[in-house]
Amino acid sequence: MEKFKSKIQAVKKEKLDPVKPFLPALFFVAGFLYDVFTLGRVDSWFNIVQQIFFIFVCVFITYLGLLNIGAAESGSHRLVKKAMEYNNEALHFLIGSLLSAFTLFYVKSASSFASFIFIFILFAVLIFNEKSANQSNKVNFEIKWGLISLCILSFLSYSVPMVVGAVGFWITMLTGLIYVLVIGAIILGLIRLGAQKDKIIKLIGMPSGVVLAFIMFCNLMNWTPPIPISIQHIGIYHNVEKKDGQYLLYHQRPWWKFWLHSDQDFKSAPGDKLYGYARIFSPVGFDDKVFFHWRKKDKKGNWVTIDRIPVLIRGGREEGFRAFTFKSNYSSGSYILKVETDDGREIGRSSFFVTKIEPSEDARIFKITYE
């Protein structure tokens, strides 16, 4: 009889408040749209301060969530329970905003297929954030903290390289170490505020460890995009000249081949050089090497490295740092030019095909693009 009465009360409650079940999703979408319209450069101080504040508020709501779990077990803390009804929507907004910002940063830096798989996983996490609202109290808490810890690690993944001014394997390890210290500080802080140690380890320590293991695995497999670096333009040209602060890019691309952005159908006469040009964005204070990785498909269909040339880049320029390399000795065939970090993560690529011709076969009229 009591169960029947409780079901009737639940139905009445849903009728009185039909919008409430959709509030988590609405706040999640609001957080995403907020970032779409307000997100600036990856090194924007406004974004950085805002994300730190959002993470701080998420941690505070986590503390209230621990009290709420205790309230569910002990039947006390009615004010905490009431506050959590509103904090749940706030947490959806904050997590939605943070994860969407980091996903957009990853999209800008992504180039390889593996990177887009990682981004797809992030999109799945964004959707899972909304679905997790229907889980039980403890399960919901573990999921929420897993998402918060993902936000913390994603924030460190681009802010640490900005502070150091470089990317690479050791920067990734440093980021992981700082993450462990931050999580440790949060756990100690919550214990001092009265949270139970065993609950902290289960509800915060374990999800944080899972997130760290997953991201580090993706980094070691070169699946994660190399934020905060991103490619703005990459192409193959017959010549690249620097004149009066501008780069002159010589190409033969016909106007009707609008799907090409450079000489990807490269007609090579005797004496021609292959020029690879790229514009690479990096934050203010960034000073590191990237590599122009030239690869050619051999007779067996395998991609073989023919050169990997280091180029020093410096950050801060809105239009990106401009750099180029060239090849004098090459043959006909399919090529890929990759721009990648020292640890092999791809920033951008351009595929092209080289065909050897005689000078008389081509009018050799070049167009010039100014960069």
Protein backbone atom coordinates (compact mmCIF):
# COMPACT_ATOMS: atom_id res chain seq x y z
CA MET A 1 0.00 0.00 0.00
CA GLU A 2 2.83 2.39 0.92
CA LYS A 3 4.60 1.67 -2.38
CA PHE A 4 1.38 2.40 -4.27
CA LYS A 5 0.97 5.74 -2.47
CA SER A 6 4.57 6.71 -3.19
CA LYS A 7 4.08 6.00 -6.91
CA ILE A 8 0.96 8.17 -6.98
CA GLN A 9 2.86 11.00 -5.27
CA ALA A 10 5.70 10.67 -7.81
CA VAL A 11 3.23 10.88 -10.71
CA LYS A 12 1.60 13.96 -9.18
CA LYS A 13 5.00 15.57 -8.73
CA GLU A 14 5.89 15.01 -12.38
CA LYS A 15 2.59 16.56 -13.48
CA LEU A 16 3.15 19.59 -11.29
CA ASP A 17 6.67 20.09 -12.56
CA PRO A 18 6.88 18.71 -16.16
CA VAL A 19 9.99 20.73 -17.04
CA LYS A 20 12.18 19.45 -14.20
CA PRO A 21 13.25 16.14 -15.88
CA PHE A 22 14.61 18.17 -18.80
CA LEU A 23 16.49 20.75 -16.73
CA PRO A 24 19.86 18.88 -16.74
CA ALA A 25 19.79 18.64 -20.54
CA LEU A 26 18.74 22.29 -20.90
CA PHE A 27 21.53 23.49 -18.63
CA PHE A 28 24.01 21.25 -20.44
CA VAL A 29 23.05 22.75 -23.83
CA ALA A 30 23.18 26.24 -22.30
CA GLY A 31 26.76 25.61 -21.14
CA PHE A 32 27.76 24.41 -24.60
CA LEU A 33 26.17 27.38 -26.38
CA TYR A 34 27.78 29.76 -23.90
CA ASP A 35 31.21 28.56 -25.02
CA VAL A 36 30.34 28.61 -28.72
CA PHE A 37 29.57 32.34 -28.52
CA THR A 38 32.17 33.45 -25.93
CA LEU A 39 35.21 31.20 -26.45
CA GLY A 40 38.27 33.06 -27.73
CA ARG A 41 41.89 32.13 -28.23
CA VAL A 42 43.35 29.27 -26.24
CA ASP A 43 45.68 31.74 -24.46
CA SER A 44 42.93 34.25 -23.62
CA TRP A 45 43.23 35.29 -19.96
CA PHE A 46 39.45 35.66 -19.78
CA ASN A 47 39.01 32.00 -20.76
CA ILE A 48 41.72 30.83 -18.38
CA VAL A 49 40.37 32.70 -15.35
CA GLN A 50 36.81 31.68 -16.17
CA GLN A 51 37.75 27.99 -16.45
CA ILE A 52 39.65 28.09 -13.14
CA PHE A 53 36.60 29.67 -11.49
CA PHE A 54 34.25 27.09 -13.03
CA ILE A 55 36.48 24.22 -11.82
CA PHE A 56 36.62 25.76 -8.32
CA VAL A 57 32.81 25.97 -8.21
CA CYS A 58 32.56 22.34 -9.43
CA VAL A 59 34.81 21.24 -6.54
CA PHE A 60 32.65 23.19 -4.07
CA ILE A 61 29.51 21.53 -5.44
CA THR A 62 31.35 18.22 -5.06
CA TYR A 63 31.76 18.96 -1.35
CA LEU A 64 28.02 19.62 -1.08
CA GLY A 65 27.42 16.39 -2.99
CA LEU A 66 29.38 14.45 -0.37
CA LEU A 67 27.23 16.00 2.32
CA ASN A 68 24.16 15.11 0.28
CA ILE A 69 25.22 11.45 0.13
CA GLY A 70 25.64 11.54 3.89
CA ALA A 71 22.22 13.13 4.17
CA ALA A 72 20.66 10.34 2.12
CA GLU A 73 22.20 7.77 4.46
CA SER A 74 21.50 9.53 7.75
CA GLY A 75 18.28 11.36 6.91
CA SER A 76 19.69 14.69 8.08
CA HIS A 77 20.98 17.85 6.38
CA ARG A 78 17.68 18.84 4.76
CA LEU A 79 19.12 22.21 3.73
CA VAL A 80 21.95 20.45 1.91
CA LYS A 81 19.45 18.25 0.08
CA LYS A 82 17.46 21.31 -0.95
CA ALA A 83 20.57 23.13 -2.15
CA MET A 84 21.64 20.12 -4.23
CA GLU A 85 18.40 20.29 -6.21
CA TYR A 86 19.71 23.53 -7.74
CA ASN A 87 23.40 22.63 -7.66
CA ASN A 88 22.76 19.67 -9.97
CA GLU A 89 21.62 22.01 -12.77
CA ALA A 90 24.51 24.37 -12.03
CA LEU A 91 26.96 21.48 -12.26
CA HIS A 92 25.54 20.44 -15.63
CA PHE A 93 26.00 23.97 -16.92
CA LEU A 94 29.59 24.23 -15.64
CA ILE A 95 30.69 20.79 -16.87
CA GLY A 96 28.96 21.36 -20.20
CA SER A 97 30.74 24.68 -20.61
CA LEU A 98 34.16 23.32 -19.61
CA LEU A 99 34.03 20.15 -21.69
CA SER A 100 32.68 21.96 -24.74
CA ALA A 101 35.52 24.52 -24.49
CA PHE A 102 38.16 21.81 -24.29
CA THR A 103 36.49 19.87 -27.11
CA LEU A 104 36.56 22.97 -29.34
CA PHE A 105 40.26 23.45 -28.52
CA TYR A 106 40.91 19.82 -29.42
CA VAL A 107 38.98 20.21 -32.71
CA LYS A 108 41.15 23.18 -33.69
CA SER A 109 44.33 21.19 -33.01
CA ALA A 110 43.17 17.85 -34.46
CA SER A 111 44.43 16.60 -37.79
CA SER A 112 44.95 12.84 -37.79
CA PHE A 113 42.21 10.22 -37.76
CA ALA A 114 43.28 9.06 -34.30
CA SER A 115 42.79 12.57 -32.93
CA PHE A 116 39.24 12.67 -34.24
CA ILE A 117 38.55 9.35 -32.53
CA PHE A 118 39.64 10.96 -29.27
CA ILE A 119 37.37 13.95 -29.96
CA PHE A 120 34.49 11.58 -30.71
CA ILE A 121 35.06 10.06 -27.26
CA LEU A 122 34.88 13.55 -25.76
CA PHE A 123 31.58 14.18 -27.54
CA ALA A 124 30.30 10.88 -26.13
CA VAL A 125 31.38 12.07 -22.67
CA LEU A 126 29.44 15.30 -23.22
CA ILE A 127 26.28 13.32 -23.95
CA PHE A 128 27.00 10.97 -21.05
CA ASN A 129 27.15 14.00 -18.78
CA GLU A 130 23.48 14.62 -19.47
CA LYS A 131 22.48 10.96 -19.19
CA SER A 132 24.22 10.50 -15.84
CA ALA A 133 21.57 12.60 -14.09
CA ASN A 134 19.28 9.56 -14.06
CA GLN A 135 21.73 7.36 -12.13
CA SER A 136 21.60 6.60 -8.42
CA ASN A 137 23.06 9.08 -5.93
CA LYS A 138 26.48 7.46 -5.48
CA VAL A 139 26.85 6.33 -9.10
CA ASN A 140 25.82 9.79 -10.26
CA PHE A 141 28.42 11.34 -7.96
CA GLU A 142 31.24 9.10 -9.28
CA ILE A 143 30.30 9.91 -12.87
CA LYS A 144 30.12 13.63 -12.14
CA TRP A 145 33.50 13.64 -10.43
CA GLY A 146 34.99 11.65 -13.32
CA LEU A 147 33.80 14.43 -15.64
CA ILE A 148 35.15 17.14 -13.31
CA SER A 149 38.54 15.41 -13.12
CA LEU A 150 38.52 15.19 -16.93
CA CYS A 151 37.96 18.95 -17.00
CA ILE A 152 40.89 19.49 -14.59
CA LEU A 153 43.24 17.30 -16.63
CA SER A 154 42.14 18.87 -19.93
CA PHE A 155 42.76 22.33 -18.51
CA LEU A 156 46.26 21.32 -17.39
CA SER A 157 46.91 19.64 -20.77
CA TYR A 158 46.89 22.99 -22.55
CA SER A 159 47.83 25.42 -19.73
CA VAL A 160 51.03 23.62 -18.68
CA PRO A 161 52.50 23.67 -22.24
CA MET A 162 51.58 27.38 -22.45
CA VAL A 163 53.47 28.16 -19.23
CA VAL A 164 56.48 26.04 -20.20
CA GLY A 165 56.35 27.19 -23.83
CA ALA A 166 56.78 23.73 -25.32
CA VAL A 167 55.05 20.41 -25.98
CA GLY A 168 56.39 16.87 -25.89
CA PHE A 169 56.67 13.66 -23.89
CA TRP A 170 58.21 15.23 -20.79
CA ILE A 171 55.63 18.03 -20.77
CA THR A 172 52.93 15.34 -20.82
CA MET A 173 54.55 13.62 -17.84
CA LEU A 174 54.80 16.95 -16.01
CA THR A 175 51.11 17.59 -16.68
CA GLY A 176 50.22 14.19 -15.20
CA LEU A 177 52.30 14.88 -12.10
CA ILE A 178 50.66 18.28 -11.54
CA TYR A 179 47.24 16.65 -11.98
CA VAL A 180 48.06 14.10 -9.26
CA LEU A 181 49.16 16.93 -6.93
CA VAL A 182 45.98 18.92 -7.63
CA ILE A 183 43.71 15.91 -6.99
CA GLY A 184 45.69 15.13 -3.84
CA ALA A 185 45.23 18.71 -2.62
CA ILE A 186 41.48 18.55 -3.30
CA ILE A 187 41.17 15.25 -1.41
CA LEU A 188 43.10 16.58 1.60
CA GLY A 189 41.02 19.77 1.56
CA LEU A 190 37.74 17.84 1.53
CA ILE A 191 38.91 15.58 4.37
CA ARG A 192 39.78 18.64 6.46
CA LEU A 193 36.30 20.01 5.78
CA GLY A 194 34.84 16.88 7.36
CA ALA A 195 34.36 14.47 4.47
CA GLN A 196 34.91 10.79 5.29
CA LYS A 197 38.25 9.44 4.08
CA ASP A 198 36.92 6.11 2.77
CA LYS A 199 34.21 7.85 0.74
CA ILE A 200 36.74 10.32 -0.67
CA ILE A 201 38.99 7.50 -1.89
CA LYS A 202 36.11 5.61 -3.51
CA LEU A 203 34.10 8.51 -4.93
CA ILE A 204 36.97 10.85 -5.93
CA GLY A 205 40.27 8.92 -5.91
CA MET A 206 39.17 6.03 -8.12
CA PRO A 207 37.42 8.08 -10.87
CA SER A 208 40.40 10.47 -10.93
CA GLY A 209 42.80 7.56 -11.43
CA VAL A 210 40.70 6.11 -14.26
CA VAL A 211 40.65 9.49 -16.06
CA LEU A 212 44.43 9.90 -15.67
CA ALA A 213 45.13 6.38 -16.97
CA PHE A 214 42.84 6.92 -19.99
CA ILE A 215 44.30 10.30 -21.00
CA MET A 216 47.90 9.17 -20.50
CA PHE A 217 47.25 6.09 -22.63
CA CYS A 218 45.80 8.31 -25.38
CA ASN A 219 48.84 10.61 -25.13
CA LEU A 220 51.32 7.74 -25.38
CA MET A 221 49.42 6.39 -28.41
CA ASN A 222 49.52 9.91 -30.00
CA TRP A 223 45.73 10.00 -30.14
CA THR A 224 45.33 13.36 -28.42
CA PRO A 225 45.62 16.55 -30.51
CA PRO A 226 48.69 18.67 -29.63
CA ILE A 227 46.92 21.59 -27.92
CA PRO A 228 47.68 24.46 -27.60
CA ILE A 229 49.24 24.29 -31.13
CA SER A 230 47.02 24.29 -34.22
CA ILE A 231 47.57 24.50 -37.97
CA GLN A 232 46.02 27.42 -39.83
CA HIS A 233 47.30 26.65 -43.32
CA ILE A 234 49.51 24.04 -44.93
CA GLY A 235 50.30 23.58 -48.61
CA ILE A 236 52.75 22.59 -51.37
CA TYR A 237 54.17 25.25 -53.68
CA HIS A 238 56.66 25.73 -56.50
CA ASN A 239 58.41 28.53 -54.66
CA VAL A 240 58.17 30.46 -51.39
CA GLU A 241 59.77 33.88 -50.99
CA LYS A 242 59.85 36.30 -48.08
CA LYS A 243 59.59 39.94 -49.14
CA ASP A 244 58.78 43.05 -47.07
CA GLY A 245 57.38 41.00 -44.22
CA GLN A 246 55.16 38.91 -46.49
CA TYR A 247 55.51 35.39 -47.83
CA LEU A 248 54.92 34.96 -51.56
CA LEU A 249 53.58 31.51 -52.46
CA TYR A 250 53.97 30.51 -56.13
CA HIS A 251 51.51 27.91 -57.43
CA GLN A 252 49.78 26.68 -60.59
CA ARG A 253 46.44 25.63 -59.12
CA PRO A 254 43.65 26.22 -61.71
CA TRP A 255 40.69 28.28 -60.51
CA TRP A 256 38.24 25.46 -61.15
CA LYS A 257 40.04 23.09 -58.75
CA PHE A 258 38.47 24.90 -55.81
CA TRP A 259 38.80 21.85 -53.56
CA LEU A 260 42.61 22.20 -53.61
CA HIS A 261 44.37 24.82 -51.49
CA SER A 262 47.85 24.63 -53.09
CA ASP A 263 49.83 22.70 -55.76
CA GLN A 264 48.63 19.31 -54.58
CA ASP A 265 48.71 18.24 -58.21
CA PHE A 266 52.38 19.18 -58.57
CA LYS A 267 53.76 19.42 -62.12
CA SER A 268 57.53 19.19 -61.76
CA ALA A 269 59.89 20.43 -64.47
CA PRO A 270 63.68 19.92 -64.26
CA GLY A 271 65.16 22.14 -61.57
CA ASP A 272 61.89 22.60 -59.64
CA LYS A 273 61.90 22.32 -55.87
CA LEU A 274 59.11 21.07 -53.63
CA TYR A 275 58.21 23.74 -51.08
CA GLY A 276 56.18 22.88 -48.02
CA TYR A 277 54.66 25.93 -46.30
CA ALA A 278 52.67 26.11 -43.06
CA ARG A 279 51.11 28.71 -40.79
CA ILE A 280 51.02 27.42 -37.22
CA PHE A 281 49.26 29.06 -34.30
CA SER A 282 50.80 28.83 -30.85
CA PRO A 283 50.20 30.89 -27.69
CA VAL A 284 52.14 33.91 -26.49
CA GLY A 285 55.49 32.87 -25.01
CA PHE A 286 55.56 29.59 -26.90
CA ASP A 287 59.03 28.74 -28.23
CA ASP A 288 59.52 25.18 -29.47
CA LYS A 289 60.37 22.98 -32.43
CA VAL A 290 57.98 21.33 -34.86
CA PHE A 291 58.93 18.96 -37.64
CA PHE A 292 58.13 18.98 -41.35
CA HIS A 293 57.77 15.26 -41.99
CA TRP A 294 58.03 14.34 -45.69
CA ARG A 295 56.71 10.86 -46.58
CA LYS A 296 56.37 9.02 -49.90
CA LYS A 297 54.41 5.93 -50.90
CA ASP A 298 56.76 3.19 -52.14
CA LYS A 299 56.07 0.52 -54.77
CA LYS A 300 54.55 -1.77 -52.13
CA GLY A 301 52.08 0.89 -51.05
CA ASN A 302 53.82 1.65 -47.76
CA TRP A 303 54.51 5.20 -46.55
CA VAL A 304 58.24 5.77 -46.11
CA THR A 305 59.90 8.74 -44.39
CA ILE A 306 62.21 10.62 -46.75
CA ASP A 307 62.97 13.55 -44.45
CA ARG A 308 62.01 15.05 -41.08
CA ILE A 309 63.16 18.65 -40.82
CA PRO A 310 63.01 20.58 -37.50
CA VAL A 311 61.66 24.15 -37.56
CA LEU A 312 61.68 26.55 -34.61
CA ILE A 313 58.35 28.34 -34.08
CA ARG A 314 57.40 31.22 -31.83
CA GLY A 315 53.92 32.00 -30.60
CA GLY A 316 51.71 35.02 -30.14
CA ARG A 317 50.90 36.01 -33.73
CA GLU A 318 47.15 35.93 -34.39
CA GLU A 319 47.67 34.73 -37.98
CA GLY A 320 50.19 32.10 -36.88
CA PHE A 321 53.91 31.56 -37.27
CA ARG A 322 54.97 31.13 -40.92
CA ALA A 323 57.58 28.55 -41.88
CA PHE A 324 58.62 26.46 -44.87
CA THR A 325 61.06 23.77 -45.96
CA PHE A 326 61.86 22.40 -49.43
CA LYS A 327 63.07 19.27 -51.20
CA SER A 328 65.41 19.28 -54.18
CA ASN A 329 65.78 15.54 -54.72
CA TYR A 330 62.48 13.76 -55.29
CA SER A 331 60.69 11.56 -57.81
CA SER A 332 57.18 11.15 -59.15
CA GLY A 333 54.55 9.63 -56.90
CA SER A 334 52.24 10.16 -53.94
CA TYR A 335 53.46 12.19 -50.98
CA ILE A 336 52.28 13.43 -47.60
CA LEU A 337 53.74 16.41 -45.79
CA LYS A 338 53.00 16.32 -42.06
CA VAL A 339 53.71 19.02 -39.53
CA GLU A 340 54.10 17.33 -36.17
CA THR A 341 55.44 17.79 -32.67
CA ASP A 342 58.66 16.32 -31.31
CA ASP A 343 56.75 13.37 -29.81
CA GLY A 344 55.07 12.60 -33.15
CA ARG A 345 51.61 14.13 -32.65
CA GLU A 346 50.25 15.47 -35.91
CA ILE A 347 49.40 19.19 -36.18
CA GLY A 348 48.46 19.22 -39.86
CA ARG A 349 49.03 17.44 -43.17
CA SER A 350 48.83 17.94 -46.92
CA SER A 351 48.60 15.09 -49.43
CA PHE A 352 49.87 15.68 -52.97
CA PHE A 353 51.00 13.92 -56.15
CA VAL A 354 54.14 14.76 -58.12
CA THR A 355 54.25 14.34 -61.91
CA LYS A 356 57.48 14.91 -63.83
CA ILE A 357 57.07 17.02 -67.02
CA GLU A 358 59.22 18.71 -69.64
CA PRO A 359 59.22 22.55 -69.74
CA SER A 360 57.56 22.58 -73.15
CA GLU A 361 54.54 20.67 -71.81
CA ASP A 362 53.46 23.47 -69.51
CA ALA A 363 53.05 27.22 -69.97
CA ARG A 364 54.70 27.62 -66.55
CA ILE A 365 52.47 30.52 -65.56
CA PHE A 366 52.52 30.93 -61.78
CA LYS A 367 49.99 32.62 -59.57
CA ILE A 368 51.08 34.27 -56.33
CA THR A 369 49.30 34.11 -53.00
CA TYR A 370 50.41 36.62 -50.34
CA GLU A 371 50.63 35.44 -46.76
